[in-house]
PDB file of N, CA and C in Angstrom:
ATOM      1  N   MET A   1       8.830   4.343  18.273  1.00  0.00           N
ATOM      2  CA  MET A   1       7.986   3.381  17.590  1.00  0.00           C
ATOM      3  C   MET A   1       8.308   1.956  18.037  1.00  0.00           C
ATOM      4  N   THR A   2       9.013   1.827  19.124  1.00  0.00           N
ATOM      5  CA  THR A   2       9.344   0.512  19.644  1.00  0.00           C
ATOM      6  C   THR A   2       8.070  -0.283  19.899  1.00  0.00           C
ATOM      7  N   GLY A   3       8.040  -1.510  19.421  1.00  0.00           N
ATOM      8  CA  GLY A   3       6.878  -2.366  19.627  1.00  0.00           C
ATOM      9  C   GLY A   3       5.827  -2.252  18.544  1.00  0.00           C
ATOM     10  N   TYR A   4       6.006  -1.316  17.599  1.00  0.00           N
ATOM     11  CA  TYR A   4       5.033  -1.155  16.514  1.00  0.00           C
ATOM     12  C   TYR A   4       5.426  -2.021  15.332  1.00  0.00           C
ATOM     13  N   SER A   5       4.418  -2.548  14.643  1.00  0.00           N
ATOM     14  CA  SER A   5       4.660  -3.328  13.432  1.00  0.00           C
ATOM     15  C   SER A   5       3.478  -3.161  12.485  1.00  0.00           C
ATOM     16  N   VAL A   6       3.746  -3.425  11.212  1.00  0.00           N
ATOM     17  CA  VAL A   6       2.711  -3.448  10.187  1.00  0.00           C
ATOM     18  C   VAL A   6       2.729  -4.847   9.602  1.00  0.00           C
ATOM     19  N   LYS A   7       1.531  -5.452   9.514  1.00  0.00           N
ATOM     20  CA  LYS A   7       1.437  -6.819   9.015  1.00  0.00           C
ATOM     21  C   LYS A   7       0.377  -6.891   7.931  1.00  0.00           C
ATOM     22  N   ALA A   8       0.682  -7.670   6.894  1.00  0.00           N
ATOM     23  CA  ALA A   8      -0.244  -7.867   5.774  1.00  0.00           C
ATOM     24  C   ALA A   8      -0.792  -9.283   5.804  1.00  0.00           C
ATOM     25  N   TYR A   9      -2.070  -9.381   5.539  1.00  0.00           N
ATOM     26  CA  TYR A   9      -2.774 -10.668   5.429  1.00  0.00           C
ATOM     27  C   TYR A   9      -3.358 -10.709   4.033  1.00  0.00           C
ATOM     28  N   ASN A  10      -2.722 -11.472   3.135  1.00  0.00           N
ATOM     29  CA  ASN A  10      -3.102 -11.449   1.729  1.00  0.00           C
ATOM     30  C   ASN A  10      -4.189 -12.442   1.364  1.00  0.00           C
ATOM     31  N   ASN A  11      -5.018 -12.023   0.404  1.00  0.00           N
ATOM     32  CA  ASN A  11      -6.026 -12.878  -0.243  1.00  0.00           C
ATOM     33  C   ASN A  11      -6.982 -13.556   0.734  1.00  0.00           C
ATOM     34  N   GLY A  12      -7.415 -12.827   1.733  1.00  0.00           N
ATOM     35  CA  GLY A  12      -8.369 -13.365   2.691  1.00  0.00           C
ATOM     36  C   GLY A  12      -7.763 -14.289   3.719  1.00  0.00           C
ATOM     37  N   GLY A  13      -6.448 -14.320   3.788  1.00  0.00           N
ATOM     38  CA  GLY A  13      -5.774 -15.215   4.722  1.00  0.00           C
ATOM     39  C   GLY A  13      -5.859 -14.745   6.169  1.00  0.00           C
ATOM     40  N   VAL A  14      -5.590 -15.654   7.074  1.00  0.00           N
ATOM     41  CA  VAL A  14      -5.585 -15.336   8.506  1.00  0.00           C
ATOM     42  C   VAL A  14      -4.185 -15.451   9.101  1.00  0.00           C
ATOM     43  N   THR A  15      -3.204 -15.762   8.256  1.00  0.00           N
ATOM     44  CA  THR A  15      -1.820 -15.776   8.699  1.00  0.00           C
ATOM     45  C   THR A  15      -1.082 -14.626   8.013  1.00  0.00           C
ATOM     46  N   VAL A  16      -0.065 -14.121   8.667  1.00  0.00           N
ATOM     47  CA  VAL A  16       0.688 -12.982   8.154  1.00  0.00           C
ATOM     48  C   VAL A  16       1.453 -13.375   6.895  1.00  0.00           C
ATOM     49  N   SER A  17       1.280 -12.581   5.839  1.00  0.00           N
ATOM     50  CA  SER A  17       1.994 -12.810   4.579  1.00  0.00           C
ATOM     51  C   SER A  17       3.328 -12.071   4.561  1.00  0.00           C
ATOM     52  N   ASN A  18       3.319 -10.842   5.043  1.00  0.00           N
ATOM     53  CA  ASN A  18       4.516 -10.001   5.124  1.00  0.00           C
ATOM     54  C   ASN A  18       4.379  -9.115   6.346  1.00  0.00           C
ATOM     55  N   SER A  19       5.518  -8.702   6.909  1.00  0.00           N
ATOM     56  CA  SER A  19       5.454  -7.793   8.049  1.00  0.00           C
ATOM     57  C   SER A  19       6.734  -6.986   8.150  1.00  0.00           C
ATOM     58  N   ILE A  20       6.642  -5.901   8.903  1.00  0.00           N
ATOM     59  CA  ILE A  20       7.806  -5.079   9.194  1.00  0.00           C
ATOM     60  C   ILE A  20       7.682  -4.580  10.624  1.00  0.00           C
ATOM     61  N   ASP A  21       8.759  -4.714  11.380  1.00  0.00           N
ATOM     62  CA  ASP A  21       8.830  -4.128  12.717  1.00  0.00           C
ATOM     63  C   ASP A  21       9.400  -2.727  12.553  1.00  0.00           C
ATOM     64  N   LEU A  22       8.723  -1.739  13.093  1.00  0.00           N
ATOM     65  CA  LEU A  22       9.180  -0.372  12.949  1.00  0.00           C
ATOM     66  C   LEU A  22      10.371  -0.120  13.871  1.00  0.00           C
ATOM     67  N   PRO A  23      11.246   0.808  13.488  1.00  0.00           N
ATOM     68  CA  PRO A  23      12.487   1.002  14.246  1.00  0.00           C
ATOM     69  C   PRO A  23      12.261   1.646  15.603  1.00  0.00           C
ATOM     70  N   ASN A  24      13.260   1.509  16.441  1.00  0.00           N
ATOM     71  CA  ASN A  24      13.234   2.104  17.771  1.00  0.00           C
ATOM     72  C   ASN A  24      13.612   3.573  17.640  1.00  0.00           C
ATOM     73  N   LYS A  25      12.622   4.409  17.308  1.00  0.00           N
ATOM     74  CA  LYS A  25      12.871   5.839  17.180  1.00  0.00           C
ATOM     75  C   LYS A  25      11.617   6.610  17.561  1.00  0.00           C
ATOM     76  N   MET A  26      11.793   7.877  17.841  1.00  0.00           N
ATOM     77  CA  MET A  26      10.694   8.758  18.232  1.00  0.00           C
ATOM     78  C   MET A  26      10.315   9.619  17.032  1.00  0.00           C
ATOM     79  N   LEU A  27       9.009   9.713  16.768  1.00  0.00           N
ATOM     80  CA  LEU A  27       8.525  10.630  15.736  1.00  0.00           C
ATOM     81  C   LEU A  27       8.156  11.948  16.390  1.00  0.00           C
ATOM     82  N   ALA A  28       8.448  13.029  15.717  1.00  0.00           N
ATOM     83  CA  ALA A  28       8.024  14.351  16.193  1.00  0.00           C
ATOM     84  C   ALA A  28       6.512  14.456  16.094  1.00  0.00           C
ATOM     85  N   ALA A  29       5.920  15.331  16.884  1.00  0.00           N
ATOM     86  CA  ALA A  29       4.474  15.558  16.813  1.00  0.00           C
ATOM     87  C   ALA A  29       4.103  15.896  15.380  1.00  0.00           C
ATOM     88  N   GLY A  30       3.109  15.196  14.842  1.00  0.00           N
ATOM     89  CA  GLY A  30       2.666  15.410  13.467  1.00  0.00           C
ATOM     90  C   GLY A  30       3.579  14.769  12.433  1.00  0.00           C
ATOM     91  N   GLY A  31       4.597  14.059  12.874  1.00  0.00           N
ATOM     92  CA  GLY A  31       5.536  13.427  11.961  1.00  0.00           C
ATOM     93  C   GLY A  31       4.956  12.180  11.328  1.00  0.00           C
ATOM     94  N   VAL A  32       5.607  11.706  10.305  1.00  0.00           N
ATOM     95  CA  VAL A  32       5.174  10.494   9.605  1.00  0.00           C
ATOM     96  C   VAL A  32       6.372   9.576   9.393  1.00  0.00           C
ATOM     97  N   TYR A  33       6.082   8.310   9.200  1.00  0.00           N
ATOM     98  CA  TYR A  33       7.082   7.311   8.837  1.00  0.00           C
ATOM     99  C   TYR A  33       6.552   6.646   7.579  1.00  0.00           C
ATOM    100  N   VAL A  34       7.273   6.766   6.475  1.00  0.00           N
ATOM    101  CA  VAL A  34       6.796   6.294   5.177  1.00  0.00           C
ATOM    102  C   VAL A  34       7.438   4.959   4.838  1.00  0.00           C
ATOM    103  N   ILE A  35       6.590   3.959   4.586  1.00  0.00           N
ATOM    104  CA  ILE A  35       7.031   2.642   4.130  1.00  0.00           C
ATOM    105  C   ILE A  35       6.612   2.535   2.673  1.00  0.00           C
ATOM    106  N   ALA A  36       7.572   2.362   1.785  1.00  0.00           N
ATOM    107  CA  ALA A  36       7.288   2.343   0.354  1.00  0.00           C
ATOM    108  C   ALA A  36       7.569   0.983  -0.253  1.00  0.00           C
ATOM    109  N   ASN A  37       6.942   0.749  -1.376  1.00  0.00           N
ATOM    110  CA  ASN A  37       7.238  -0.408  -2.206  1.00  0.00           C
ATOM    111  C   ASN A  37       8.542  -0.115  -2.934  1.00  0.00           C
ATOM    112  N   SER A  38       9.423  -1.076  -3.022  1.00  0.00           N
ATOM    113  CA  SER A  38      10.726  -0.848  -3.655  1.00  0.00           C
ATOM    114  C   SER A  38      10.604  -0.504  -5.137  1.00  0.00           C
ATOM    115  N   SER A  39       9.456  -0.791  -5.747  1.00  0.00           N
ATOM    116  CA  SER A  39       9.220  -0.458  -7.151  1.00  0.00           C
ATOM    117  C   SER A  39       8.448   0.847  -7.319  1.00  0.00           C
ATOM    118  N   ALA A  40       8.289   1.597  -6.252  1.00  0.00           N
ATOM    119  CA  ALA A  40       7.521   2.843  -6.306  1.00  0.00           C
ATOM    120  C   ALA A  40       8.231   3.886  -7.155  1.00  0.00           C
ATOM    121  N   ASN A  41       7.468   4.891  -7.549  1.00  0.00           N
ATOM    122  CA  ASN A  41       7.975   6.039  -8.274  1.00  0.00           C
ATOM    123  C   ASN A  41       9.111   6.686  -7.481  1.00  0.00           C
ATOM    124  N   ALA A  42      10.068   7.254  -8.188  1.00  0.00           N
ATOM    125  CA  ALA A  42      11.231   7.874  -7.543  1.00  0.00           C
ATOM    126  C   ALA A  42      10.840   8.968  -6.559  1.00  0.00           C
ATOM    127  N   SER A  43       9.758   9.686  -6.827  1.00  0.00           N
ATOM    128  CA  SER A  43       9.356  10.752  -5.902  1.00  0.00           C
ATOM    129  C   SER A  43       8.862  10.182  -4.574  1.00  0.00           C
ATOM    130  N   ILE A  44       8.264   9.007  -4.599  1.00  0.00           N
ATOM    131  CA  ILE A  44       7.839   8.336  -3.366  1.00  0.00           C
ATOM    132  C   ILE A  44       9.064   7.784  -2.638  1.00  0.00           C
ATOM    133  N   LEU A  45       9.931   7.123  -3.389  1.00  0.00           N
ATOM    134  CA  LEU A  45      11.142   6.568  -2.776  1.00  0.00           C
ATOM    135  C   LEU A  45      12.006   7.664  -2.172  1.00  0.00           C
ATOM    136  N   GLY A  46      11.947   8.864  -2.744  1.00  0.00           N
ATOM    137  CA  GLY A  46      12.730   9.970  -2.240  1.00  0.00           C
ATOM    138  C   GLY A  46      12.317  10.446  -0.860  1.00  0.00           C
ATOM    139  N   VAL A  47      11.075  10.191  -0.476  1.00  0.00           N
ATOM    140  CA  VAL A  47      10.599  10.606   0.849  1.00  0.00           C
ATOM    141  C   VAL A  47      10.392   9.421   1.781  1.00  0.00           C
ATOM    142  N   ALA A  48      10.639   8.208   1.286  1.00  0.00           N
ATOM    143  CA  ALA A  48      10.418   7.005   2.094  1.00  0.00           C
ATOM    144  C   ALA A  48      11.489   6.871   3.170  1.00  0.00           C
ATOM    145  N   ASP A  49      11.056   6.398   4.332  1.00  0.00           N
ATOM    146  CA  ASP A  49      11.988   6.068   5.406  1.00  0.00           C
ATOM    147  C   ASP A  49      12.570   4.680   5.213  1.00  0.00           C
ATOM    148  N   THR A  50      11.809   3.803   4.560  1.00  0.00           N
ATOM    149  CA  THR A  50      12.257   2.439   4.303  1.00  0.00           C
ATOM    150  C   THR A  50      11.399   1.851   3.192  1.00  0.00           C
ATOM    151  N   THR A  51      11.845   0.731   2.649  1.00  0.00           N
ATOM    152  CA  THR A  51      11.027  -0.060   1.730  1.00  0.00           C
ATOM    153  C   THR A  51      10.795  -1.413   2.378  1.00  0.00           C
ATOM    154  N   SER A  52       9.680  -2.051   2.006  1.00  0.00           N
ATOM    155  CA  SER A  52       9.353  -3.335   2.625  1.00  0.00           C
ATOM    156  C   SER A  52       8.377  -4.119   1.761  1.00  0.00           C
ATOM    157  N   ALA A  53       8.457  -5.434   1.844  1.00  0.00           N
ATOM    158  CA  ALA A  53       7.522  -6.318   1.159  1.00  0.00           C
ATOM    159  C   ALA A  53       6.120  -6.226   1.751  1.00  0.00           C
ATOM    160  N   VAL A  54       5.953  -5.592   2.916  1.00  0.00           N
ATOM    161  CA  VAL A  54       4.619  -5.431   3.492  1.00  0.00           C
ATOM    162  C   VAL A  54       3.740  -4.597   2.561  1.00  0.00           C
ATOM    163  N   THR A  55       4.358  -3.871   1.637  1.00  0.00           N
ATOM    164  CA  THR A  55       3.614  -3.057   0.679  1.00  0.00           C
ATOM    165  C   THR A  55       3.191  -3.846  -0.556  1.00  0.00           C
ATOM    166  N   TYR A  56       3.505  -5.127  -0.622  1.00  0.00           N
ATOM    167  CA  TYR A  56       3.142  -5.951  -1.774  1.00  0.00           C
ATOM    168  C   TYR A  56       1.712  -6.454  -1.621  1.00  0.00           C
ATOM    169  N   TYR A  57       0.768  -5.610  -1.949  1.00  0.00           N
ATOM    170  CA  TYR A  57      -0.634  -6.007  -1.910  1.00  0.00           C
ATOM    171  C   TYR A  57      -1.363  -5.331  -3.044  1.00  0.00           C
ATOM    172  N   ASN A  58      -2.545  -5.868  -3.374  1.00  0.00           N
ATOM    173  CA  ASN A  58      -3.261  -5.377  -4.543  1.00  0.00           C
ATOM    174  C   ASN A  58      -4.626  -4.777  -4.213  1.00  0.00           C
ATOM    175  N   GLY A  59      -4.860  -4.451  -2.972  1.00  0.00           N
ATOM    176  CA  GLY A  59      -6.102  -3.787  -2.611  1.00  0.00           C
ATOM    177  C   GLY A  59      -7.155  -4.693  -2.021  1.00  0.00           C
ATOM    178  N   ASP A  60      -7.004  -6.005  -2.129  1.00  0.00           N
ATOM    179  CA  ASP A  60      -8.000  -6.903  -1.527  1.00  0.00           C
ATOM    180  C   ASP A  60      -7.427  -7.640  -0.322  1.00  0.00           C
ATOM    181  N   ASP A  61      -6.418  -7.026   0.288  1.00  0.00           N
ATOM    182  CA  ASP A  61      -5.740  -7.631   1.425  1.00  0.00           C
ATOM    183  C   ASP A  61      -5.933  -6.759   2.663  1.00  0.00           C
ATOM    184  N   ALA A  62      -5.757  -7.337   3.821  1.00  0.00           N
ATOM    185  CA  ALA A  62      -5.860  -6.582   5.073  1.00  0.00           C
ATOM    186  C   ALA A  62      -4.456  -6.165   5.514  1.00  0.00           C
ATOM    187  N   ILE A  63      -4.331  -4.902   5.908  1.00  0.00           N
ATOM    188  CA  ILE A  63      -3.078  -4.352   6.420  1.00  0.00           C
ATOM    189  C   ILE A  63      -3.362  -3.847   7.832  1.00  0.00           C
ATOM    190  N   VAL A  64      -2.557  -4.293   8.806  1.00  0.00           N
ATOM    191  CA  VAL A  64      -2.833  -3.993  10.208  1.00  0.00           C
ATOM    192  C   VAL A  64      -1.616  -3.335  10.861  1.00  0.00           C
ATOM    193  N   LEU A  65      -1.886  -2.260  11.611  1.00  0.00           N
ATOM    194  CA  LEU A  65      -0.865  -1.615  12.428  1.00  0.00           C
ATOM    195  C   LEU A  65      -1.037  -2.103  13.860  1.00  0.00           C
ATOM    196  N   PHE A  66       0.030  -2.673  14.406  1.00  0.00           N
ATOM    197  CA  PHE A  66       0.011  -3.196  15.770  1.00  0.00           C
ATOM    198  C   PHE A  66       0.942  -2.397  16.677  1.00  0.00           C
ATOM    199  N   LYS A  67       0.609  -2.320  17.943  1.00  0.00           N
ATOM    200  CA  LYS A  67       1.517  -1.929  19.027  1.00  0.00           C
ATOM    201  C   LYS A  67       1.603  -3.168  19.898  1.00  0.00           C
ATOM    202  N   ASN A  68       2.716  -3.860  19.817  1.00  0.00           N
ATOM    203  CA  ASN A  68       2.877  -5.179  20.430  1.00  0.00           C
ATOM    204  C   ASN A  68       1.785  -6.099  19.883  1.00  0.00           C
ATOM    205  N   THR A  69       0.816  -6.527  20.688  1.00  0.00           N
ATOM    206  CA  THR A  69      -0.254  -7.395  20.171  1.00  0.00           C
ATOM    207  C   THR A  69      -1.583  -6.666  20.011  1.00  0.00           C
ATOM    208  N   ASP A  70      -1.609  -5.367  20.313  1.00  0.00           N
ATOM    209  CA  ASP A  70      -2.844  -4.583  20.195  1.00  0.00           C
ATOM    210  C   ASP A  70      -2.999  -4.031  18.788  1.00  0.00           C
ATOM    211  N   THR A  71      -4.170  -4.220  18.200  1.00  0.00           N
ATOM    212  CA  THR A  71      -4.481  -3.653  16.892  1.00  0.00           C
ATOM    213  C   THR A  71      -4.807  -2.176  17.064  1.00  0.00           C
ATOM    214  N   LEU A  72      -4.042  -1.310  16.370  1.00  0.00           N
ATOM    215  CA  LEU A  72      -4.278   0.129  16.441  1.00  0.00           C
ATOM    216  C   LEU A  72      -5.086   0.644  15.265  1.00  0.00           C
ATOM    217  N   ASP A  73      -4.849   0.053  14.086  1.00  0.00           N
ATOM    218  CA  ASP A  73      -5.559   0.486  12.885  1.00  0.00           C
ATOM    219  C   ASP A  73      -5.535  -0.664  11.894  1.00  0.00           C
ATOM    220  N   ILE A  74      -6.521  -0.668  11.009  1.00  0.00           N
ATOM    221  CA  ILE A  74      -6.609  -1.746  10.031  1.00  0.00           C
ATOM    222  C   ILE A  74      -7.291  -1.233   8.773  1.00  0.00           C
ATOM    223  N   ILE A  75      -6.771  -1.683   7.646  1.00  0.00           N
ATOM    224  CA  ILE A  75      -7.414  -1.455   6.360  1.00  0.00           C
ATOM    225  C   ILE A  75      -7.840  -2.832   5.878  1.00  0.00           C
ATOM    226  N   GLY A  76      -9.126  -3.030   5.621  1.00  0.00           N
ATOM    227  CA  GLY A  76      -9.645  -4.333   5.227  1.00  0.00           C
ATOM    228  C   GLY A  76     -10.065  -5.141   6.437  1.00  0.00           C
ATOM    229  N   ILE A  77     -10.366  -6.400   6.188  1.00  0.00           N
ATOM    230  CA  ILE A  77     -10.810  -7.305   7.242  1.00  0.00           C
ATOM    231  C   ILE A  77      -9.980  -8.593   7.126  1.00  0.00           C
ATOM    232  N   VAL A  78      -9.237  -8.904   8.178  1.00  0.00           N
ATOM    233  CA  VAL A  78      -8.433 -10.126   8.186  1.00  0.00           C
ATOM    234  C   VAL A  78      -9.366 -11.324   8.017  1.00  0.00           C
ATOM    235  N   GLY A  79      -9.008 -12.218   7.089  1.00  0.00           N
ATOM    236  CA  GLY A  79      -9.799 -13.418   6.853  1.00  0.00           C
ATOM    237  C   GLY A  79     -10.898 -13.243   5.812  1.00  0.00           C
ATOM    238  N   VAL A  80     -11.016 -12.047   5.236  1.00  0.00           N
ATOM    239  CA  VAL A  80     -12.064 -11.797   4.237  1.00  0.00           C
ATOM    240  C   VAL A  80     -11.407 -11.318   2.939  1.00  0.00           C
ATOM    241  N   ASP A  81     -11.682 -11.999   1.851  1.00  0.00           N
ATOM    242  CA  ASP A  81     -11.252 -11.562   0.532  1.00  0.00           C
ATOM    243  C   ASP A  81     -12.477 -10.950  -0.146  1.00  0.00           C
ATOM    244  N   PRO A  82     -12.493  -9.641  -0.336  1.00  0.00           N
ATOM    245  CA  PRO A  82     -13.687  -8.999  -0.890  1.00  0.00           C
ATOM    246  C   PRO A  82     -13.904  -9.263  -2.372  1.00  0.00           C
ATOM    247  N   GLY A  83     -13.009  -9.990  -3.006  1.00  0.00           N
ATOM    248  CA  GLY A  83     -13.152 -10.276  -4.429  1.00  0.00           C
ATOM    249  C   GLY A  83     -12.504  -9.196  -5.272  1.00  0.00           C
ATOM    250  N   SER A  84     -12.674  -9.303  -6.562  1.00  0.00           N
ATOM    251  CA  SER A  84     -11.984  -8.396  -7.477  1.00  0.00           C
ATOM    252  C   SER A  84     -12.798  -7.174  -7.853  1.00  0.00           C
ATOM    253  N   SER A  85     -14.040  -7.114  -7.430  1.00  0.00           N
ATOM    254  CA  SER A  85     -14.845  -5.938  -7.803  1.00  0.00           C
ATOM    255  C   SER A  85     -14.838  -4.951  -6.677  1.00  0.00           C
TER     256      SER A  85
END
């Protein structure tokens, strides 16, 4: 996962609010890497690989998976706050 990172853009912002660089390790085929909120339920924390502030979002923020500077996946739209509804 060298070069991979997850970055959060909160409240319609265009600058990174929180981020995490993923560790230099290899995932097995079909494997997962779980990033949890430190306040998550114990059952989630029990399977988490790490905790990070990148998980501090409320659903109206953009979360982006990068490989170096390339966007691989995104939830939401950076720079757009969809509002509370």
